[in-house]
Amino acid sequence: MSSEFTASRTCFCVKERHKLRKIAITGGPGAGKSAILNLAKMEFCPHVALLPEAATILFSGGFWRDDSSHGRIVAQRAIFYVQKEMERFITMQKKFSLALCDRGTLDGLAYWPTGPKSFFESLKISRDKELSDYAAVIHLRTPPPENGYNKKNPMRTESATEAMVLDEKLEKAWKGHPNRFFIDSCESFSEKTEKALKILRSLIPTCCHSPGKWTP
């Protein structure tokens, strides 16, 4: 074992180094993705990396939000590359057992205006390769208005109807992934988050089930 892994890391098994795995947390607007990641930060150890939503990083920073076909393509290309570079950075760090991603690269299919073929050709990627990059996909369903959907998030511009349509498109975008979980909207959001955390606990090494600190 190389010296960089022999330092004191309390959540790592002494005899085994975990291979980095990525989990995409997807779902339509208002589904609770960011909230789940915030809870994961409190529950799991620092070897579980949390990747923020690339779209929020770009749009909150002033990237153009033009609803024309060309504008949407430009935005989705930018989002894809930011997502890829965040994932690449986490992989190169070599100190994480798992990465929880607020959306994955195939989410862009739901927002791409000219169809899947154009999406894959423009980004020079394949569906099979992108699916295989993620160990699991957790799909949080967008709630209807009567069950919690709102526009409190300033980055959320979709109506309830538009959000539900995007949720369906995201389901199709990740079709074919062998390890996919769906969490429906619940009357209590805490019930929904607990279901999501239960799935995450089953996917994350038990030695990482603690927010305790570690020494690099």
C-alpha atoms as a PDB file:
ATOM      1  CA  MET A   1       0.000   0.000   0.000  1.00  0.00           C
ATOM      2  CA  SER A   2       1.399   3.423  -0.977  1.00  0.00           C
ATOM      3  CA  SER A   3       2.371   5.868   1.744  1.00  0.00           C
ATOM      4  CA  GLU A   4      -0.459   8.252   0.934  1.00  0.00           C
ATOM      5  CA  PHE A   5      -2.919   5.677   2.215  1.00  0.00           C
ATOM      6  CA  THR A   6      -1.039   4.606   5.322  1.00  0.00           C
ATOM      7  CA  ALA A   7      -1.767   7.799   7.257  1.00  0.00           C
ATOM      8  CA  SER A   8      -4.430   7.789   9.966  1.00  0.00           C
ATOM      9  CA  ARG A   9      -7.844   7.656   8.296  1.00  0.00           C
ATOM     10  CA  THR A  10     -10.217   6.339  10.866  1.00  0.00           C
ATOM     11  CA  CYS A  11     -13.035   5.407   8.514  1.00  0.00           C
ATOM     12  CA  PHE A  12     -10.892   3.215   6.268  1.00  0.00           C
ATOM     13  CA  CYS A  13     -10.527  -0.491   6.871  1.00  0.00           C
ATOM     14  CA  VAL A  14      -6.934  -1.293   7.824  1.00  0.00           C
ATOM     15  CA  LYS A  15      -6.646  -4.074   5.245  1.00  0.00           C
ATOM     16  CA  GLU A  16      -8.750  -2.604   2.427  1.00  0.00           C
ATOM     17  CA  ARG A  17      -8.746   0.622   0.467  1.00  0.00           C
ATOM     18  CA  HIS A  18     -12.141   1.442  -0.997  1.00  0.00           C
ATOM     19  CA  LYS A  19     -12.327   2.104  -4.710  1.00  0.00           C
ATOM     20  CA  LEU A  20     -14.040   5.403  -5.467  1.00  0.00           C
ATOM     21  CA  ARG A  21     -17.634   5.014  -6.596  1.00  0.00           C
ATOM     22  CA  LYS A  22     -19.999   7.733  -7.776  1.00  0.00           C
ATOM     23  CA  ILE A  23     -23.707   7.949  -7.025  1.00  0.00           C
ATOM     24  CA  ALA A  24     -25.907  10.299  -9.041  1.00  0.00           C
ATOM     25  CA  ILE A  25     -28.799  11.841  -7.148  1.00  0.00           C
ATOM     26  CA  THR A  26     -31.282  12.953  -9.768  1.00  0.00           C
ATOM     27  CA  GLY A  27     -34.894  14.051 -10.056  1.00  0.00           C
ATOM     28  CA  GLY A  28     -36.919  17.018 -11.238  1.00  0.00           C
ATOM     29  CA  PRO A  29     -36.839  20.507  -9.730  1.00  0.00           C
ATOM     30  CA  GLY A  30     -37.853  20.678  -6.081  1.00  0.00           C
ATOM     31  CA  ALA A  31     -37.344  16.963  -5.459  1.00  0.00           C
ATOM     32  CA  GLY A  32     -34.982  17.506  -2.514  1.00  0.00           C
ATOM     33  CA  LYS A  33     -31.606  16.639  -4.032  1.00  0.00           C
ATOM     34  CA  SER A  34     -29.642  19.430  -2.361  1.00  0.00           C
ATOM     35  CA  ALA A  35     -31.361  18.782   0.977  1.00  0.00           C
ATOM     36  CA  ILE A  36     -30.341  15.115   0.842  1.00  0.00           C
ATOM     37  CA  LEU A  37     -26.718  16.086   0.224  1.00  0.00           C
ATOM     38  CA  ASN A  38     -26.799  18.491   3.168  1.00  0.00           C
ATOM     39  CA  LEU A  39     -28.058  15.692   5.412  1.00  0.00           C
ATOM     40  CA  ALA A  40     -25.437  13.304   4.025  1.00  0.00           C
ATOM     41  CA  LYS A  41     -22.750  15.798   4.985  1.00  0.00           C
ATOM     42  CA  MET A  42     -23.860  15.534   8.619  1.00  0.00           C
ATOM     43  CA  GLU A  43     -24.250  11.750   8.621  1.00  0.00           C
ATOM     44  CA  PHE A  44     -21.253  10.409   6.676  1.00  0.00           C
ATOM     45  CA  CYS A  45     -17.527  10.857   7.119  1.00  0.00           C
ATOM     46  CA  PRO A  46     -15.308  13.219   5.043  1.00  0.00           C
ATOM     47  CA  HIS A  47     -14.316  10.345   2.763  1.00  0.00           C
ATOM     48  CA  VAL A  48     -17.768  10.752   1.192  1.00  0.00           C
ATOM     49  CA  ALA A  49     -17.392  13.647  -1.240  1.00  0.00           C
ATOM     50  CA  LEU A  50     -20.398  15.853  -1.986  1.00  0.00           C
ATOM     51  CA  LEU A  51     -20.517  17.401  -5.455  1.00  0.00           C
ATOM     52  CA  PRO A  52     -22.804  20.445  -5.811  1.00  0.00           C
ATOM     53  CA  GLU A  53     -25.119  20.961  -8.766  1.00  0.00           C
ATOM     54  CA  ALA A  54     -23.149  22.299 -11.739  1.00  0.00           C
ATOM     55  CA  ALA A  55     -26.162  24.235 -13.063  1.00  0.00           C
ATOM     56  CA  THR A  56     -26.512  26.174  -9.812  1.00  0.00           C
ATOM     57  CA  ILE A  57     -22.809  27.030  -9.849  1.00  0.00           C
ATOM     58  CA  LEU A  58     -23.090  28.422 -13.380  1.00  0.00           C
ATOM     59  CA  PHE A  59     -26.441  30.204 -13.212  1.00  0.00           C
ATOM     60  CA  SER A  60     -25.844  31.736  -9.789  1.00  0.00           C
ATOM     61  CA  GLY A  61     -22.537  33.022 -11.135  1.00  0.00           C
ATOM     62  CA  GLY A  62     -24.194  34.851 -14.006  1.00  0.00           C
ATOM     63  CA  PHE A  63     -24.069  32.332 -16.859  1.00  0.00           C
ATOM     64  CA  TRP A  64     -26.715  33.173 -19.475  1.00  0.00           C
ATOM     65  CA  ARG A  65     -30.095  31.527 -19.033  1.00  0.00           C
ATOM     66  CA  ASP A  66     -31.461  31.900 -22.550  1.00  0.00           C
ATOM     67  CA  ASP A  67     -34.462  29.729 -23.407  1.00  0.00           C
ATOM     68  CA  SER A  68     -33.707  29.576 -27.122  1.00  0.00           C
ATOM     69  CA  SER A  69     -32.559  26.257 -28.557  1.00  0.00           C
ATOM     70  CA  HIS A  70     -29.002  27.511 -28.997  1.00  0.00           C
ATOM     71  CA  GLY A  71     -28.992  29.086 -25.537  1.00  0.00           C
ATOM     72  CA  ARG A  72     -30.090  25.841 -23.894  1.00  0.00           C
ATOM     73  CA  ILE A  73     -27.467  23.825 -25.776  1.00  0.00           C
ATOM     74  CA  VAL A  74     -24.692  26.233 -24.755  1.00  0.00           C
ATOM     75  CA  ALA A  75     -25.812  26.066 -21.114  1.00  0.00           C
ATOM     76  CA  GLN A  76     -26.055  22.267 -21.055  1.00  0.00           C
ATOM     77  CA  ARG A  77     -22.615  21.888 -22.612  1.00  0.00           C
ATOM     78  CA  ALA A  78     -21.173  24.156 -19.929  1.00  0.00           C
ATOM     79  CA  ILE A  79     -23.010  22.228 -17.190  1.00  0.00           C
ATOM     80  CA  PHE A  80     -21.726  18.909 -18.555  1.00  0.00           C
ATOM     81  CA  TYR A  81     -18.088  20.023 -18.548  1.00  0.00           C
ATOM     82  CA  VAL A  82     -18.288  21.539 -15.065  1.00  0.00           C
ATOM     83  CA  GLN A  83     -19.810  18.261 -13.828  1.00  0.00           C
ATOM     84  CA  LYS A  84     -17.077  16.231 -15.515  1.00  0.00           C
ATOM     85  CA  GLU A  85     -14.277  18.344 -14.094  1.00  0.00           C
ATOM     86  CA  MET A  86     -15.681  18.150 -10.560  1.00  0.00           C
ATOM     87  CA  GLU A  87     -15.842  14.368 -10.879  1.00  0.00           C
ATOM     88  CA  ARG A  88     -12.319  14.276 -12.318  1.00  0.00           C
ATOM     89  CA  PHE A  89     -10.990  16.395  -9.448  1.00  0.00           C
ATOM     90  CA  ILE A  90     -12.575  14.154  -6.799  1.00  0.00           C
ATOM     91  CA  THR A  91     -11.160  11.069  -8.516  1.00  0.00           C
ATOM     92  CA  MET A  92      -7.651  12.548  -8.617  1.00  0.00           C
ATOM     93  CA  GLN A  93      -7.751  13.343  -4.886  1.00  0.00           C
ATOM     94  CA  LYS A  94      -7.468   9.615  -4.082  1.00  0.00           C
ATOM     95  CA  LYS A  95      -8.874  10.091  -0.593  1.00  0.00           C
ATOM     96  CA  PHE A  96     -12.582   9.468  -1.111  1.00  0.00           C
ATOM     97  CA  SER A  97     -14.494   6.199  -0.920  1.00  0.00           C
ATOM     98  CA  LEU A  98     -17.577   7.602  -2.587  1.00  0.00           C
ATOM     99  CA  ALA A  99     -18.861  10.718  -4.375  1.00  0.00           C
ATOM    100  CA  LEU A 100     -22.476  11.832  -4.048  1.00  0.00           C
ATOM    101  CA  CYS A 101     -23.325  13.952  -7.088  1.00  0.00           C
ATOM    102  CA  ASP A 102     -26.152  16.484  -7.188  1.00  0.00           C
ATOM    103  CA  ARG A 103     -27.233  15.308 -10.651  1.00  0.00           C
ATOM    104  CA  GLY A 104     -25.163  13.256 -13.081  1.00  0.00           C
ATOM    105  CA  THR A 105     -23.969  13.821 -16.630  1.00  0.00           C
ATOM    106  CA  LEU A 106     -27.021  12.218 -18.255  1.00  0.00           C
ATOM    107  CA  ASP A 107     -29.352  14.727 -16.583  1.00  0.00           C
ATOM    108  CA  GLY A 108     -28.533  17.040 -19.462  1.00  0.00           C
ATOM    109  CA  LEU A 109     -30.645  14.857 -21.756  1.00  0.00           C
ATOM    110  CA  ALA A 110     -33.801  16.131 -20.045  1.00  0.00           C
ATOM    111  CA  TYR A 111     -32.891  19.731 -20.871  1.00  0.00           C
ATOM    112  CA  TRP A 112     -31.362  19.212 -24.323  1.00  0.00           C
ATOM    113  CA  PRO A 113     -33.675  20.664 -27.014  1.00  0.00           C
ATOM    114  CA  THR A 114     -32.672  18.663 -30.092  1.00  0.00           C
ATOM    115  CA  GLY A 115     -32.850  15.022 -29.007  1.00  0.00           C
ATOM    116  CA  PRO A 116     -30.535  12.313 -27.621  1.00  0.00           C
ATOM    117  CA  LYS A 117     -28.525  11.758 -30.820  1.00  0.00           C
ATOM    118  CA  SER A 118     -27.532  15.421 -30.943  1.00  0.00           C
ATOM    119  CA  PHE A 119     -26.676  15.353 -27.218  1.00  0.00           C
ATOM    120  CA  PHE A 120     -24.251  12.441 -27.492  1.00  0.00           C
ATOM    121  CA  GLU A 121     -22.704  13.673 -30.751  1.00  0.00           C
ATOM    122  CA  SER A 122     -22.204  17.225 -29.469  1.00  0.00           C
ATOM    123  CA  LEU A 123     -20.495  16.054 -26.267  1.00  0.00           C
ATOM    124  CA  LYS A 124     -18.684  13.125 -27.932  1.00  0.00           C
ATOM    125  CA  ILE A 125     -19.860  10.635 -25.330  1.00  0.00           C
ATOM    126  CA  SER A 126     -21.896   7.417 -25.271  1.00  0.00           C
ATOM    127  CA  ARG A 127     -24.857   6.446 -23.107  1.00  0.00           C
ATOM    128  CA  ASP A 128     -23.240   3.170 -22.047  1.00  0.00           C
ATOM    129  CA  LYS A 129     -20.049   4.873 -20.856  1.00  0.00           C
ATOM    130  CA  GLU A 130     -21.917   7.543 -18.879  1.00  0.00           C
ATOM    131  CA  LEU A 131     -24.200   4.946 -17.271  1.00  0.00           C
ATOM    132  CA  SER A 132     -21.225   2.817 -16.270  1.00  0.00           C
ATOM    133  CA  ASP A 133     -19.533   5.790 -14.586  1.00  0.00           C
ATOM    134  CA  TYR A 134     -22.065   5.712 -11.737  1.00  0.00           C
ATOM    135  CA  ALA A 135     -22.406   2.858  -9.266  1.00  0.00           C
ATOM    136  CA  ALA A 136     -26.000   3.807  -8.531  1.00  0.00           C
ATOM    137  CA  VAL A 137     -28.662   6.362  -9.414  1.00  0.00           C
ATOM    138  CA  ILE A 138     -31.148   7.627  -6.832  1.00  0.00           C
ATOM    139  CA  HIS A 139     -34.146   9.331  -8.428  1.00  0.00           C
ATOM    140  CA  LEU A 140     -36.108  11.625  -6.123  1.00  0.00           C
ATOM    141  CA  ARG A 141     -39.541  12.332  -7.550  1.00  0.00           C
ATOM    142  CA  THR A 142     -40.680  15.941  -7.916  1.00  0.00           C
ATOM    143  CA  PRO A 143     -43.622  16.674  -5.590  1.00  0.00           C
ATOM    144  CA  PRO A 144     -46.886  18.132  -6.887  1.00  0.00           C
ATOM    145  CA  PRO A 145     -47.920  21.621  -5.648  1.00  0.00           C
ATOM    146  CA  GLU A 146     -50.178  20.176  -2.952  1.00  0.00           C
ATOM    147  CA  ASN A 147     -47.275  18.146  -1.611  1.00  0.00           C
ATOM    148  CA  GLY A 148     -44.548  20.728  -1.321  1.00  0.00           C
ATOM    149  CA  TYR A 149     -43.444  22.006  -4.743  1.00  0.00           C
ATOM    150  CA  ASN A 150     -42.569  25.703  -4.654  1.00  0.00           C
ATOM    151  CA  LYS A 151     -40.204  28.316  -6.089  1.00  0.00           C
ATOM    152  CA  LYS A 152     -38.424  29.333  -2.898  1.00  0.00           C
ATOM    153  CA  ASN A 153     -35.131  28.444  -4.563  1.00  0.00           C
ATOM    154  CA  PRO A 154     -34.264  31.467  -6.780  1.00  0.00           C
ATOM    155  CA  MET A 155     -32.617  29.123  -9.306  1.00  0.00           C
ATOM    156  CA  ARG A 156     -35.912  27.267  -9.778  1.00  0.00           C
ATOM    157  CA  THR A 157     -37.877  28.799 -12.635  1.00  0.00           C
ATOM    158  CA  GLU A 158     -40.124  25.894 -13.666  1.00  0.00           C
ATOM    159  CA  SER A 159     -43.822  25.721 -12.935  1.00  0.00           C
ATOM    160  CA  ALA A 160     -45.139  22.636 -11.143  1.00  0.00           C
ATOM    161  CA  THR A 161     -46.271  21.169 -14.462  1.00  0.00           C
ATOM    162  CA  GLU A 162     -42.915  21.847 -16.123  1.00  0.00           C
ATOM    163  CA  ALA A 163     -41.126  20.282 -13.156  1.00  0.00           C
ATOM    164  CA  MET A 164     -43.169  17.092 -13.459  1.00  0.00           C
ATOM    165  CA  VAL A 165     -42.402  16.885 -17.194  1.00  0.00           C
ATOM    166  CA  LEU A 166     -38.676  17.235 -16.482  1.00  0.00           C
ATOM    167  CA  ASP A 167     -38.940  14.523 -13.845  1.00  0.00           C
ATOM    168  CA  GLU A 168     -40.348  12.133 -16.473  1.00  0.00           C
ATOM    169  CA  LYS A 169     -37.602  13.085 -18.930  1.00  0.00           C
ATOM    170  CA  LEU A 170     -34.968  12.375 -16.285  1.00  0.00           C
ATOM    171  CA  GLU A 171     -36.441   8.928 -15.725  1.00  0.00           C
ATOM    172  CA  LYS A 172     -35.965   8.234 -19.452  1.00  0.00           C
ATOM    173  CA  ALA A 173     -32.474   9.757 -19.444  1.00  0.00           C
ATOM    174  CA  TRP A 174     -31.210   7.167 -16.935  1.00  0.00           C
ATOM    175  CA  LYS A 175     -33.113   4.233 -18.414  1.00  0.00           C
ATOM    176  CA  GLY A 176     -30.961   1.134 -18.485  1.00  0.00           C
ATOM    177  CA  HIS A 177     -28.910   1.776 -15.366  1.00  0.00           C
ATOM    178  CA  PRO A 178     -28.740  -1.551 -13.486  1.00  0.00           C
ATOM    179  CA  ASN A 179     -28.766  -0.048  -9.983  1.00  0.00           C
ATOM    180  CA  ARG A 180     -31.488   2.598  -9.894  1.00  0.00           C
ATOM    181  CA  PHE A 181     -33.714   3.595  -6.987  1.00  0.00           C
ATOM    182  CA  PHE A 182     -36.902   5.678  -7.052  1.00  0.00           C
ATOM    183  CA  ILE A 183     -38.208   7.621  -4.072  1.00  0.00           C
ATOM    184  CA  ASP A 184     -41.712   8.974  -4.472  1.00  0.00           C
ATOM    185  CA  SER A 185     -42.930  12.199  -2.957  1.00  0.00           C
ATOM    186  CA  CYS A 186     -44.215  11.778   0.613  1.00  0.00           C
ATOM    187  CA  GLU A 187     -46.586  13.824   2.733  1.00  0.00           C
ATOM    188  CA  SER A 188     -43.697  14.399   5.115  1.00  0.00           C
ATOM    189  CA  PHE A 189     -40.396  15.503   3.577  1.00  0.00           C
ATOM    190  CA  SER A 190     -38.550  13.945   6.519  1.00  0.00           C
ATOM    191  CA  GLU A 191     -40.011  10.583   5.494  1.00  0.00           C
ATOM    192  CA  LYS A 192     -38.628  11.086   1.987  1.00  0.00           C
ATOM    193  CA  THR A 193     -35.184  12.057   3.261  1.00  0.00           C
ATOM    194  CA  GLU A 194     -35.055   9.061   5.586  1.00  0.00           C
ATOM    195  CA  LYS A 195     -35.832   6.730   2.666  1.00  0.00           C
ATOM    196  CA  ALA A 196     -33.009   8.331   0.684  1.00  0.00           C
ATOM    197  CA  LEU A 197     -30.557   8.086   3.579  1.00  0.00           C
ATOM    198  CA  LYS A 198     -31.481   4.445   4.114  1.00  0.00           C
ATOM    199  CA  ILE A 199     -30.531   3.700   0.497  1.00  0.00           C
ATOM    200  CA  LEU A 200     -27.305   5.661   0.859  1.00  0.00           C
ATOM    201  CA  ARG A 201     -26.381   3.758   4.020  1.00  0.00           C
ATOM    202  CA  SER A 202     -26.725   0.516   2.070  1.00  0.00           C
ATOM    203  CA  LEU A 203     -24.390   1.806  -0.653  1.00  0.00           C
ATOM    204  CA  ILE A 204     -21.739   3.478   1.501  1.00  0.00           C
ATOM    205  CA  PRO A 205     -19.088   1.394   3.345  1.00  0.00           C
ATOM    206  CA  THR A 206     -20.132   0.965   6.983  1.00  0.00           C
ATOM    207  CA  CYS A 207     -16.831   2.448   8.139  1.00  0.00           C
ATOM    208  CA  CYS A 208     -17.952   5.746   6.600  1.00  0.00           C
ATOM    209  CA  HIS A 209     -21.237   5.858   8.550  1.00  0.00           C
ATOM    210  CA  SER A 210     -19.973   8.567  10.839  1.00  0.00           C
ATOM    211  CA  PRO A 211     -19.322  12.314  10.482  1.00  0.00           C
ATOM    212  CA  GLY A 212     -16.107  11.956  12.530  1.00  0.00           C
ATOM    213  CA  LYS A 213     -12.951  13.721  11.461  1.00  0.00           C
ATOM    214  CA  TRP A 214      -9.938  12.040   9.898  1.00  0.00           C
ATOM    215  CA  THR A 215      -6.274  12.909   9.663  1.00  0.00           C
ATOM    216  CA  PRO A 216      -4.796  12.966   6.128  1.00  0.00           C
END
